[in-house]
């Protein structure tokens, strides 16, 4: 296992993981399901 900073080439995978997390939250009937996050937010973090 390695922990590294994400880079811009990781953006699509990051958003796939966010979507997978939101789908999982729906199956668990959690109180809150993640919305689609703004790409510029993630790009700034990167």
ModelCIF file with pLDDT and N, C-alpha, C, O atoms, coordinates in Angstrom:
data_MODEL
#
_entry.id   MODEL 
#
_entity.id                         1 
_entity.type                       polymer 
_entity.pdbx_number_of_molecules   1 
#
_entity_poly.entity_id                      1 
_entity_poly.type                           'polypeptide(L)' 
_entity_poly.nstd_linkage                   no 
_entity_poly.nstd_monomer                   no 
_entity_poly.pdbx_seq_one_letter_code       
;(UNK)(UNK)(UNK)(UNK)(UNK)(UNK)(UNK)(UNK)(UNK)(UNK)(UNK)(UNK)(UNK)(UNK)(UNK)(UNK)
(UNK)(UNK)(UNK)(UNK)(UNK)(UNK)(UNK)(UNK)(UNK)(UNK)(UNK)(UNK)(UNK)(UNK)(UNK)(UNK)
(UNK)(UNK)(UNK)(UNK)(UNK)(UNK)(UNK)(UNK)(UNK)(UNK)(UNK)(UNK)(UNK)(UNK)
;
_entity_poly.pdbx_seq_one_letter_code_can   XXXXXXXXXXXXXXXXXXXXXXXXXXXXXXXXXXXXXXXXXXXXXX 
_entity_poly.pdbx_strand_id                 A 
#
loop_
_entity_poly_seq.entity_id 
_entity_poly_seq.num 
_entity_poly_seq.mon_id 
_entity_poly_seq.hetero 
1 1  UNK n 
1 2  UNK n 
1 3  UNK n 
1 4  UNK n 
1 5  UNK n 
1 6  UNK n 
1 7  UNK n 
1 8  UNK n 
1 9  UNK n 
1 10 UNK n 
1 11 UNK n 
1 12 UNK n 
1 13 UNK n 
1 14 UNK n 
1 15 UNK n 
1 16 UNK n 
1 17 UNK n 
1 18 UNK n 
1 19 UNK n 
1 20 UNK n 
1 21 UNK n 
1 22 UNK n 
1 23 UNK n 
1 24 UNK n 
1 25 UNK n 
1 26 UNK n 
1 27 UNK n 
1 28 UNK n 
1 29 UNK n 
1 30 UNK n 
1 31 UNK n 
1 32 UNK n 
1 33 UNK n 
1 34 UNK n 
1 35 UNK n 
1 36 UNK n 
1 37 UNK n 
1 38 UNK n 
1 39 UNK n 
1 40 UNK n 
1 41 UNK n 
1 42 UNK n 
1 43 UNK n 
1 44 UNK n 
1 45 UNK n 
1 46 UNK n 
#
_struct_asym.id          A 
_struct_asym.entity_id   1 
#
loop_
_ma_qa_metric.id 
_ma_qa_metric.mode 
_ma_qa_metric.name 
_ma_qa_metric.software_group_id 
_ma_qa_metric.type 
1 global pLDDT . pLDDT 
2 local  pLDDT . pLDDT 
#
_ma_qa_metric_global.metric_id      1 
_ma_qa_metric_global.metric_value   92.54 
_ma_qa_metric_global.model_id       1 
_ma_qa_metric_global.ordinal_id     1 
#
loop_
_ma_qa_metric_local.label_asym_id 
_ma_qa_metric_local.label_comp_id 
_ma_qa_metric_local.label_seq_id 
_ma_qa_metric_local.metric_id 
_ma_qa_metric_local.metric_value 
_ma_qa_metric_local.model_id 
_ma_qa_metric_local.ordinal_id 
A UNK 1  2 94.00 1 1  
A UNK 2  2 97.00 1 2  
A UNK 3  2 98.00 1 3  
A UNK 4  2 98.00 1 4  
A UNK 5  2 98.00 1 5  
A UNK 6  2 98.00 1 6  
A UNK 7  2 97.00 1 7  
A UNK 8  2 97.00 1 8  
A UNK 9  2 98.00 1 9  
A UNK 10 2 98.00 1 10 
A UNK 11 2 97.00 1 11 
A UNK 12 2 97.00 1 12 
A UNK 13 2 98.00 1 13 
A UNK 14 2 98.00 1 14 
A UNK 15 2 97.00 1 15 
A UNK 16 2 97.00 1 16 
A UNK 17 2 98.00 1 17 
A UNK 18 2 97.00 1 18 
A UNK 19 2 97.00 1 19 
A UNK 20 2 95.00 1 20 
A UNK 21 2 94.00 1 21 
A UNK 22 2 93.00 1 22 
A UNK 23 2 93.00 1 23 
A UNK 24 2 91.00 1 24 
A UNK 25 2 88.00 1 25 
A UNK 26 2 86.00 1 26 
A UNK 27 2 88.00 1 27 
A UNK 28 2 80.00 1 28 
A UNK 29 2 74.00 1 29 
A UNK 30 2 69.00 1 30 
A UNK 31 2 68.00 1 31 
A UNK 32 2 83.00 1 32 
A UNK 33 2 86.00 1 33 
A UNK 34 2 89.00 1 34 
A UNK 35 2 87.00 1 35 
A UNK 36 2 90.00 1 36 
A UNK 37 2 93.00 1 37 
A UNK 38 2 92.00 1 38 
A UNK 39 2 94.00 1 39 
A UNK 40 2 95.00 1 40 
A UNK 41 2 94.00 1 41 
A UNK 42 2 96.00 1 42 
A UNK 43 2 97.00 1 43 
A UNK 44 2 97.00 1 44 
A UNK 45 2 98.00 1 45 
A UNK 46 2 98.00 1 46 
#
loop_
_atom_site.group_PDB 
_atom_site.id 
_atom_site.type_symbol 
_atom_site.label_atom_id 
_atom_site.label_alt_id 
_atom_site.label_comp_id 
_atom_site.label_asym_id 
_atom_site.label_entity_id 
_atom_site.label_seq_id 
_atom_site.pdbx_PDB_ins_code 
_atom_site.Cartn_x 
_atom_site.Cartn_y 
_atom_site.Cartn_z 
_atom_site.occupancy 
_atom_site.B_iso_or_equiv 
_atom_site.pdbx_formal_charge 
_atom_site.auth_seq_id 
_atom_site.auth_comp_id 
_atom_site.auth_asym_id 
_atom_site.auth_atom_id 
_atom_site.pdbx_PDB_model_num 
ATOM 1   N N  . UNK A 1 1  ? 0.841   -1.188 0.000   1.00 94.00 ? 1  UNK A N  1 
ATOM 2   C CA . UNK A 1 1  ? 0.000   0.000  0.000   1.00 94.00 ? 1  UNK A CA 1 
ATOM 3   C C  . UNK A 1 1  ? 0.880   1.243  0.000   1.00 94.00 ? 1  UNK A C  1 
ATOM 4   O O  . UNK A 1 1  ? 1.883   1.316  0.709   1.00 94.00 ? 1  UNK A O  1 
ATOM 5   N N  . UNK A 1 2  ? 0.486   2.208  -0.802  1.00 97.00 ? 2  UNK A N  1 
ATOM 6   C CA . UNK A 1 2  ? 1.155   3.511  -0.828  1.00 97.00 ? 2  UNK A CA 1 
ATOM 7   C C  . UNK A 1 2  ? 0.106   4.600  -0.735  1.00 97.00 ? 2  UNK A C  1 
ATOM 8   O O  . UNK A 1 2  ? -0.984  4.471  -1.291  1.00 97.00 ? 2  UNK A O  1 
ATOM 9   N N  . UNK A 1 3  ? 0.437   5.676  -0.028  1.00 98.00 ? 3  UNK A N  1 
ATOM 10  C CA . UNK A 1 3  ? -0.425  6.852  0.027   1.00 98.00 ? 3  UNK A CA 1 
ATOM 11  C C  . UNK A 1 3  ? 0.328   7.985  -0.651  1.00 98.00 ? 3  UNK A C  1 
ATOM 12  O O  . UNK A 1 3  ? 1.453   8.319  -0.278  1.00 98.00 ? 3  UNK A O  1 
ATOM 13  N N  . UNK A 1 4  ? -0.314  8.567  -1.653  1.00 98.00 ? 4  UNK A N  1 
ATOM 14  C CA . UNK A 1 4  ? 0.286   9.630  -2.446  1.00 98.00 ? 4  UNK A CA 1 
ATOM 15  C C  . UNK A 1 4  ? -0.738  10.728 -2.687  1.00 98.00 ? 4  UNK A C  1 
ATOM 16  O O  . UNK A 1 4  ? -1.942  10.518 -2.535  1.00 98.00 ? 4  UNK A O  1 
ATOM 17  N N  . UNK A 1 5  ? -0.244  11.900 -3.064  1.00 98.00 ? 5  UNK A N  1 
ATOM 18  C CA . UNK A 1 5  ? -1.151  12.935 -3.528  1.00 98.00 ? 5  UNK A CA 1 
ATOM 19  C C  . UNK A 1 5  ? -1.753  12.508 -4.854  1.00 98.00 ? 5  UNK A C  1 
ATOM 20  O O  . UNK A 1 5  ? -1.072  11.928 -5.699  1.00 98.00 ? 5  UNK A O  1 
ATOM 21  N N  . UNK A 1 6  ? -3.027  12.798 -5.030  1.00 98.00 ? 6  UNK A N  1 
ATOM 22  C CA . UNK A 1 6  ? -3.664  12.574 -6.320  1.00 98.00 ? 6  UNK A CA 1 
ATOM 23  C C  . UNK A 1 6  ? -3.150  13.610 -7.307  1.00 98.00 ? 6  UNK A C  1 
ATOM 24  O O  . UNK A 1 6  ? -2.648  14.664 -6.916  1.00 98.00 ? 6  UNK A O  1 
ATOM 25  N N  . UNK A 1 7  ? -3.281  13.294 -8.595  1.00 97.00 ? 7  UNK A N  1 
ATOM 26  C CA . UNK A 1 7  ? -2.899  14.262 -9.617  1.00 97.00 ? 7  UNK A CA 1 
ATOM 27  C C  . UNK A 1 7  ? -4.057  14.406 -10.603 1.00 97.00 ? 7  UNK A C  1 
ATOM 28  O O  . UNK A 1 7  ? -5.049  13.682 -10.518 1.00 97.00 ? 7  UNK A O  1 
ATOM 29  N N  . UNK A 1 8  ? -3.924  15.325 -11.518 1.00 97.00 ? 8  UNK A N  1 
ATOM 30  C CA . UNK A 1 8  ? -5.031  15.617 -12.434 1.00 97.00 ? 8  UNK A CA 1 
ATOM 31  C C  . UNK A 1 8  ? -5.448  14.412 -13.271 1.00 97.00 ? 8  UNK A C  1 
ATOM 32  O O  . UNK A 1 8  ? -6.609  14.305 -13.665 1.00 97.00 ? 8  UNK A O  1 
ATOM 33  N N  . UNK A 1 9  ? -4.529  13.520 -13.541 1.00 98.00 ? 9  UNK A N  1 
ATOM 34  C CA . UNK A 1 9  ? -4.900  12.329 -14.325 1.00 98.00 ? 9  UNK A CA 1 
ATOM 35  C C  . UNK A 1 9  ? -5.773  11.365 -13.517 1.00 98.00 ? 9  UNK A C  1 
ATOM 36  O O  . UNK A 1 9  ? -6.332  10.426 -14.082 1.00 98.00 ? 9  UNK A O  1 
ATOM 37  N N  . UNK A 1 10 ? -5.897  11.583 -12.210 1.00 98.00 ? 10 UNK A N  1 
ATOM 38  C CA . UNK A 1 10 ? -6.741  10.749 -11.348 1.00 98.00 ? 10 UNK A CA 1 
ATOM 39  C C  . UNK A 1 10 ? -8.192  11.233 -11.279 1.00 98.00 ? 10 UNK A C  1 
ATOM 40  O O  . UNK A 1 10 ? -9.041  10.552 -10.703 1.00 98.00 ? 10 UNK A O  1 
ATOM 41  N N  . UNK A 1 11 ? -8.482  12.387 -11.852 1.00 97.00 ? 11 UNK A N  1 
ATOM 42  C CA . UNK A 1 11 ? -9.812  13.003 -11.686 1.00 97.00 ? 11 UNK A CA 1 
ATOM 43  C C  . UNK A 1 11 ? -10.969 12.078 -12.033 1.00 97.00 ? 11 UNK A C  1 
ATOM 44  O O  . UNK A 1 11 ? -11.910 11.940 -11.251 1.00 97.00 ? 11 UNK A O  1 
ATOM 45  N N  . UNK A 1 12 ? -10.906 11.451 -13.187 1.00 97.00 ? 12 UNK A N  1 
ATOM 46  C CA . UNK A 1 12 ? -12.038 10.600 -13.596 1.00 97.00 ? 12 UNK A CA 1 
ATOM 47  C C  . UNK A 1 12 ? -12.240 9.449  -12.617 1.00 97.00 ? 12 UNK A C  1 
ATOM 48  O O  . UNK A 1 12 ? -13.375 9.103  -12.292 1.00 97.00 ? 12 UNK A O  1 
ATOM 49  N N  . UNK A 1 13 ? -11.153 8.859  -12.150 1.00 98.00 ? 13 UNK A N  1 
ATOM 50  C CA . UNK A 1 13 ? -11.273 7.758  -11.186 1.00 98.00 ? 13 UNK A CA 1 
ATOM 51  C C  . UNK A 1 13 ? -11.824 8.256  -9.853  1.00 98.00 ? 13 UNK A C  1 
ATOM 52  O O  . UNK A 1 13 ? -12.625 7.565  -9.224  1.00 98.00 ? 13 UNK A O  1 
ATOM 53  N N  . UNK A 1 14 ? -11.414 9.429  -9.418  1.00 98.00 ? 14 UNK A N  1 
ATOM 54  C CA . UNK A 1 14 ? -11.940 10.009 -8.179  1.00 98.00 ? 14 UNK A CA 1 
ATOM 55  C C  . UNK A 1 14 ? -13.457 10.157 -8.290  1.00 98.00 ? 14 UNK A C  1 
ATOM 56  O O  . UNK A 1 14 ? -14.186 9.808  -7.361  1.00 98.00 ? 14 UNK A O  1 
ATOM 57  N N  . UNK A 1 15 ? -13.927 10.668 -9.411  1.00 97.00 ? 15 UNK A N  1 
ATOM 58  C CA . UNK A 1 15 ? -15.366 10.852 -9.579  1.00 97.00 ? 15 UNK A CA 1 
ATOM 59  C C  . UNK A 1 15 ? -16.101 9.526  -9.734  1.00 97.00 ? 15 UNK A C  1 
ATOM 60  O O  . UNK A 1 15 ? -17.257 9.414  -9.325  1.00 97.00 ? 15 UNK A O  1 
ATOM 61  N N  . UNK A 1 16 ? -15.454 8.524  -10.314 1.00 97.00 ? 16 UNK A N  1 
ATOM 62  C CA . UNK A 1 16 ? -16.066 7.186  -10.358 1.00 97.00 ? 16 UNK A CA 1 
ATOM 63  C C  . UNK A 1 16 ? -16.235 6.650  -8.933  1.00 97.00 ? 16 UNK A C  1 
ATOM 64  O O  . UNK A 1 16 ? -17.254 6.041  -8.608  1.00 97.00 ? 16 UNK A O  1 
ATOM 65  N N  . UNK A 1 17 ? -15.234 6.881  -8.094  1.00 98.00 ? 17 UNK A N  1 
ATOM 66  C CA . UNK A 1 17 ? -15.327 6.407  -6.710  1.00 98.00 ? 17 UNK A CA 1 
ATOM 67  C C  . UNK A 1 17 ? -16.396 7.173  -5.942  1.00 98.00 ? 17 UNK A C  1 
ATOM 68  O O  . UNK A 1 17 ? -17.108 6.581  -5.131  1.00 98.00 ? 17 UNK A O  1 
ATOM 69  N N  . UNK A 1 18 ? -16.524 8.464  -6.176  1.00 97.00 ? 18 UNK A N  1 
ATOM 70  C CA . UNK A 1 18 ? -17.593 9.237  -5.530  1.00 97.00 ? 18 UNK A CA 1 
ATOM 71  C C  . UNK A 1 18 ? -18.959 8.708  -5.955  1.00 97.00 ? 18 UNK A C  1 
ATOM 72  O O  . UNK A 1 18 ? -19.858 8.566  -5.127  1.00 97.00 ? 18 UNK A O  1 
ATOM 73  N N  . UNK A 1 19 ? -19.113 8.417  -7.250  1.00 97.00 ? 19 UNK A N  1 
ATOM 74  C CA . UNK A 1 19 ? -20.391 7.891  -7.736  1.00 97.00 ? 19 UNK A CA 1 
ATOM 75  C C  . UNK A 1 19 ? -20.668 6.513  -7.147  1.00 97.00 ? 19 UNK A C  1 
ATOM 76  O O  . UNK A 1 19 ? -21.802 6.211  -6.777  1.00 97.00 ? 19 UNK A O  1 
ATOM 77  N N  . UNK A 1 20 ? -19.643 5.685  -7.058  1.00 95.00 ? 20 UNK A N  1 
ATOM 78  C CA . UNK A 1 20 ? -19.810 4.355  -6.461  1.00 95.00 ? 20 UNK A CA 1 
ATOM 79  C C  . UNK A 1 20 ? -20.201 4.486  -4.991  1.00 95.00 ? 20 UNK A C  1 
ATOM 80  O O  . UNK A 1 20 ? -21.033 3.724  -4.498  1.00 95.00 ? 20 UNK A O  1 
ATOM 81  N N  . UNK A 1 21 ? -19.604 5.449  -4.290  1.00 94.00 ? 21 UNK A N  1 
ATOM 82  C CA . UNK A 1 21 ? -19.944 5.668  -2.882  1.00 94.00 ? 21 UNK A CA 1 
ATOM 83  C C  . UNK A 1 21 ? -21.396 6.120  -2.745  1.00 94.00 ? 21 UNK A C  1 
ATOM 84  O O  . UNK A 1 21 ? -22.112 5.654  -1.859  1.00 94.00 ? 21 UNK A O  1 
ATOM 85  N N  . UNK A 1 22 ? -21.832 7.024  -3.619  1.00 93.00 ? 22 UNK A N  1 
ATOM 86  C CA . UNK A 1 22 ? -23.225 7.484  -3.563  1.00 93.00 ? 22 UNK A CA 1 
ATOM 87  C C  . UNK A 1 22 ? -24.191 6.334  -3.862  1.00 93.00 ? 22 UNK A C  1 
ATOM 88  O O  . UNK A 1 22 ? -25.232 6.215  -3.216  1.00 93.00 ? 22 UNK A O  1 
ATOM 89  N N  . UNK A 1 23 ? -23.857 5.508  -4.814  1.00 93.00 ? 23 UNK A N  1 
ATOM 90  C CA . UNK A 1 23 ? -24.701 4.344  -5.122  1.00 93.00 ? 23 UNK A CA 1 
ATOM 91  C C  . UNK A 1 23 ? -24.765 3.397  -3.935  1.00 93.00 ? 23 UNK A C  1 
ATOM 92  O O  . UNK A 1 23 ? -25.830 2.867  -3.617  1.00 93.00 ? 23 UNK A O  1 
ATOM 93  N N  . UNK A 1 24 ? -23.645 3.185  -3.288  1.00 91.00 ? 24 UNK A N  1 
ATOM 94  C CA . UNK A 1 24 ? -23.597 2.329  -2.103  1.00 91.00 ? 24 UNK A CA 1 
ATOM 95  C C  . UNK A 1 24 ? -24.438 2.919  -0.969  1.00 91.00 ? 24 UNK A C  1 
ATOM 96  O O  . UNK A 1 24 ? -25.159 2.197  -0.281  1.00 91.00 ? 24 UNK A O  1 
ATOM 97  N N  . UNK A 1 25 ? -24.338 4.240  -0.780  1.00 88.00 ? 25 UNK A N  1 
ATOM 98  C CA . UNK A 1 25 ? -25.138 4.907  0.249   1.00 88.00 ? 25 UNK A CA 1 
ATOM 99  C C  . UNK A 1 25 ? -26.627 4.686  -0.003  1.00 88.00 ? 25 UNK A C  1 
ATOM 100 O O  . UNK A 1 25 ? -27.393 4.484  0.939   1.00 88.00 ? 25 UNK A O  1 
ATOM 101 N N  . UNK A 1 26 ? -27.037 4.725  -1.261  1.00 86.00 ? 26 UNK A N  1 
ATOM 102 C CA . UNK A 1 26 ? -28.450 4.498  -1.595  1.00 86.00 ? 26 UNK A CA 1 
ATOM 103 C C  . UNK A 1 26 ? -28.886 3.094  -1.215  1.00 86.00 ? 26 UNK A C  1 
ATOM 104 O O  . UNK A 1 26 ? -29.997 2.906  -0.722  1.00 86.00 ? 26 UNK A O  1 
ATOM 105 N N  . UNK A 1 27 ? -28.022 2.097  -1.439  1.00 88.00 ? 27 UNK A N  1 
ATOM 106 C CA . UNK A 1 27 ? -28.394 0.721  -1.107  1.00 88.00 ? 27 UNK A CA 1 
ATOM 107 C C  . UNK A 1 27 ? -28.507 0.516  0.394   1.00 88.00 ? 27 UNK A C  1 
ATOM 108 O O  . UNK A 1 27 ? -29.256 -0.348 0.851   1.00 88.00 ? 27 UNK A O  1 
ATOM 109 N N  . UNK A 1 28 ? -27.771 1.302  1.159   1.00 80.00 ? 28 UNK A N  1 
ATOM 110 C CA . UNK A 1 28 ? -27.788 1.198  2.624   1.00 80.00 ? 28 UNK A CA 1 
ATOM 111 C C  . UNK A 1 28 ? -28.869 2.074  3.233   1.00 80.00 ? 28 UNK A C  1 
ATOM 112 O O  . UNK A 1 28 ? -29.061 2.092  4.449   1.00 80.00 ? 28 UNK A O  1 
ATOM 113 N N  . UNK A 1 29 ? -29.578 2.806  2.366   1.00 74.00 ? 29 UNK A N  1 
ATOM 114 C CA . UNK A 1 29 ? -30.649 3.706  2.817   1.00 74.00 ? 29 UNK A CA 1 
ATOM 115 C C  . UNK A 1 29 ? -30.164 4.642  3.919   1.00 74.00 ? 29 UNK A C  1 
ATOM 116 O O  . UNK A 1 29 ? -30.833 4.828  4.936   1.00 74.00 ? 29 UNK A O  1 
ATOM 117 N N  . UNK A 1 30 ? -28.977 5.234  3.694   1.00 69.00 ? 30 UNK A N  1 
ATOM 118 C CA . UNK A 1 30 ? -28.428 6.176  4.659   1.00 69.00 ? 30 UNK A CA 1 
ATOM 119 C C  . UNK A 1 30 ? -29.237 7.465  4.631   1.00 69.00 ? 30 UNK A C  1 
ATOM 120 O O  . UNK A 1 30 ? -29.968 7.741  3.680   1.00 69.00 ? 30 UNK A O  1 
ATOM 121 N N  . UNK A 1 31 ? -29.090 8.233  5.675   1.00 68.00 ? 31 UNK A N  1 
ATOM 122 C CA . UNK A 1 31 ? -29.821 9.491  5.792   1.00 68.00 ? 31 UNK A CA 1 
ATOM 123 C C  . UNK A 1 31 ? -29.413 10.448 4.684   1.00 68.00 ? 31 UNK A C  1 
ATOM 124 O O  . UNK A 1 31 ? -30.252 11.152 4.121   1.00 68.00 ? 31 UNK A O  1 
ATOM 125 N N  . UNK A 1 32 ? -28.124 10.470 4.375   1.00 83.00 ? 32 UNK A N  1 
ATOM 126 C CA . UNK A 1 32 ? -27.590 11.416 3.405   1.00 83.00 ? 32 UNK A CA 1 
ATOM 127 C C  . UNK A 1 32 ? -26.856 10.652 2.310   1.00 83.00 ? 32 UNK A C  1 
ATOM 128 O O  . UNK A 1 32 ? -26.045 9.769  2.589   1.00 83.00 ? 32 UNK A O  1 
ATOM 129 N N  . UNK A 1 33 ? -27.153 11.003 1.056   1.00 86.00 ? 33 UNK A N  1 
ATOM 130 C CA . UNK A 1 33 ? -26.446 10.442 -0.093  1.00 86.00 ? 33 UNK A CA 1 
ATOM 131 C C  . UNK A 1 33 ? -25.643 11.569 -0.718  1.00 86.00 ? 33 UNK A C  1 
ATOM 132 O O  . UNK A 1 33 ? -26.147 12.676 -0.902  1.00 86.00 ? 33 UNK A O  1 
ATOM 133 N N  . UNK A 1 34 ? -24.392 11.281 -1.041  1.00 89.00 ? 34 UNK A N  1 
ATOM 134 C CA . UNK A 1 34 ? -23.539 12.306 -1.635  1.00 89.00 ? 34 UNK A CA 1 
ATOM 135 C C  . UNK A 1 34 ? -24.125 12.811 -2.945  1.00 89.00 ? 34 UNK A C  1 
ATOM 136 O O  . UNK A 1 34 ? -24.633 12.034 -3.753  1.00 89.00 ? 34 UNK A O  1 
ATOM 137 N N  . UNK A 1 35 ? -24.049 14.121 -3.145  1.00 87.00 ? 35 UNK A N  1 
ATOM 138 C CA . UNK A 1 35 ? -24.443 14.686 -4.438  1.00 87.00 ? 35 UNK A CA 1 
ATOM 139 C C  . UNK A 1 35 ? -23.286 14.530 -5.427  1.00 87.00 ? 35 UNK A C  1 
ATOM 140 O O  . UNK A 1 35 ? -22.232 14.002 -5.075  1.00 87.00 ? 35 UNK A O  1 
ATOM 141 N N  . UNK A 1 36 ? -23.482 14.977 -6.631  1.00 90.00 ? 36 UNK A N  1 
ATOM 142 C CA . UNK A 1 36 ? -22.368 15.041 -7.578  1.00 90.00 ? 36 UNK A CA 1 
ATOM 143 C C  . UNK A 1 36 ? -21.533 16.256 -7.193  1.00 90.00 ? 36 UNK A C  1 
ATOM 144 O O  . UNK A 1 36 ? -22.046 17.374 -7.142  1.00 90.00 ? 36 UNK A O  1 
ATOM 145 N N  . UNK A 1 37 ? -20.266 16.045 -6.925  1.00 93.00 ? 37 UNK A N  1 
ATOM 146 C CA . UNK A 1 37 ? -19.399 17.133 -6.486  1.00 93.00 ? 37 UNK A CA 1 
ATOM 147 C C  . UNK A 1 37 ? -18.879 17.922 -7.679  1.00 93.00 ? 37 UNK A C  1 
ATOM 148 O O  . UNK A 1 37 ? -18.735 17.400 -8.784  1.00 93.00 ? 37 UNK A O  1 
ATOM 149 N N  . UNK A 1 38 ? -18.607 19.174 -7.426  1.00 92.00 ? 38 UNK A N  1 
ATOM 150 C CA . UNK A 1 38 ? -18.092 20.092 -8.432  1.00 92.00 ? 38 UNK A CA 1 
ATOM 151 C C  . UNK A 1 38 ? -16.659 19.699 -8.795  1.00 92.00 ? 38 UNK A C  1 
ATOM 152 O O  . UNK A 1 38 ? -15.810 19.556 -7.915  1.00 92.00 ? 38 UNK A O  1 
ATOM 153 N N  . UNK A 1 39 ? -16.395 19.527 -10.075 1.00 94.00 ? 39 UNK A N  1 
ATOM 154 C CA . UNK A 1 39 ? -15.057 19.136 -10.520 1.00 94.00 ? 39 UNK A CA 1 
ATOM 155 C C  . UNK A 1 39 ? -14.005 20.165 -10.121 1.00 94.00 ? 39 UNK A C  1 
ATOM 156 O O  . UNK A 1 39 ? -12.866 19.805 -9.822  1.00 94.00 ? 39 UNK A O  1 
ATOM 157 N N  . UNK A 1 40 ? -14.378 21.433 -10.117 1.00 95.00 ? 40 UNK A N  1 
ATOM 158 C CA . UNK A 1 40 ? -13.387 22.459 -9.756  1.00 95.00 ? 40 UNK A CA 1 
ATOM 159 C C  . UNK A 1 40 ? -12.949 22.325 -8.297  1.00 95.00 ? 40 UNK A C  1 
ATOM 160 O O  . UNK A 1 40 ? -11.814 22.665 -7.962  1.00 95.00 ? 40 UNK A O  1 
ATOM 161 N N  . UNK A 1 41 ? -13.836 21.835 -7.425  1.00 94.00 ? 41 UNK A N  1 
ATOM 162 C CA . UNK A 1 41 ? -13.478 21.594 -6.028  1.00 94.00 ? 41 UNK A CA 1 
ATOM 163 C C  . UNK A 1 41 ? -12.347 20.577 -5.954  1.00 94.00 ? 41 UNK A C  1 
ATOM 164 O O  . UNK A 1 41 ? -11.354 20.798 -5.261  1.00 94.00 ? 41 UNK A O  1 
ATOM 165 N N  . UNK A 1 42 ? -12.493 19.482 -6.654  1.00 96.00 ? 42 UNK A N  1 
ATOM 166 C CA . UNK A 1 42 ? -11.480 18.421 -6.645  1.00 96.00 ? 42 UNK A CA 1 
ATOM 167 C C  . UNK A 1 42 ? -10.199 18.891 -7.323  1.00 96.00 ? 42 UNK A C  1 
ATOM 168 O O  . UNK A 1 42 ? -9.103  18.595 -6.847  1.00 96.00 ? 42 UNK A O  1 
ATOM 169 N N  . UNK A 1 43 ? -10.325 19.614 -8.415  1.00 97.00 ? 43 UNK A N  1 
ATOM 170 C CA . UNK A 1 43 ? -9.132  20.129 -9.096  1.00 97.00 ? 43 UNK A CA 1 
ATOM 171 C C  . UNK A 1 43 ? -8.345  21.067 -8.195  1.00 97.00 ? 43 UNK A C  1 
ATOM 172 O O  . UNK A 1 43 ? -7.115  21.022 -8.178  1.00 97.00 ? 43 UNK A O  1 
ATOM 173 N N  . UNK A 1 44 ? -9.039  21.913 -7.446  1.00 97.00 ? 44 UNK A N  1 
ATOM 174 C CA . UNK A 1 44 ? -8.353  22.798 -6.495  1.00 97.00 ? 44 UNK A CA 1 
ATOM 175 C C  . UNK A 1 44 ? -7.639  21.979 -5.433  1.00 97.00 ? 44 UNK A C  1 
ATOM 176 O O  . UNK A 1 44 ? -6.492  22.273 -5.095  1.00 97.00 ? 44 UNK A O  1 
ATOM 177 N N  . UNK A 1 45 ? -8.298  20.960 -4.902  1.00 98.00 ? 45 UNK A N  1 
ATOM 178 C CA . UNK A 1 45 ? -7.664  20.102 -3.897  1.00 98.00 ? 45 UNK A CA 1 
ATOM 179 C C  . UNK A 1 45 ? -6.421  19.422 -4.466  1.00 98.00 ? 45 UNK A C  1 
ATOM 180 O O  . UNK A 1 45 ? -5.399  19.323 -3.786  1.00 98.00 ? 45 UNK A O  1 
ATOM 181 N N  . UNK A 1 46 ? -6.507  18.960 -5.699  1.00 98.00 ? 46 UNK A N  1 
ATOM 182 C CA . UNK A 1 46 ? -5.345  18.331 -6.339  1.00 98.00 ? 46 UNK A CA 1 
ATOM 183 C C  . UNK A 1 46 ? -4.222  19.351 -6.479  1.00 98.00 ? 46 UNK A C  1 
ATOM 184 O O  . UNK A 1 46 ? -3.153  19.025 -6.994  1.00 98.00 ? 46 UNK A O  1 
#
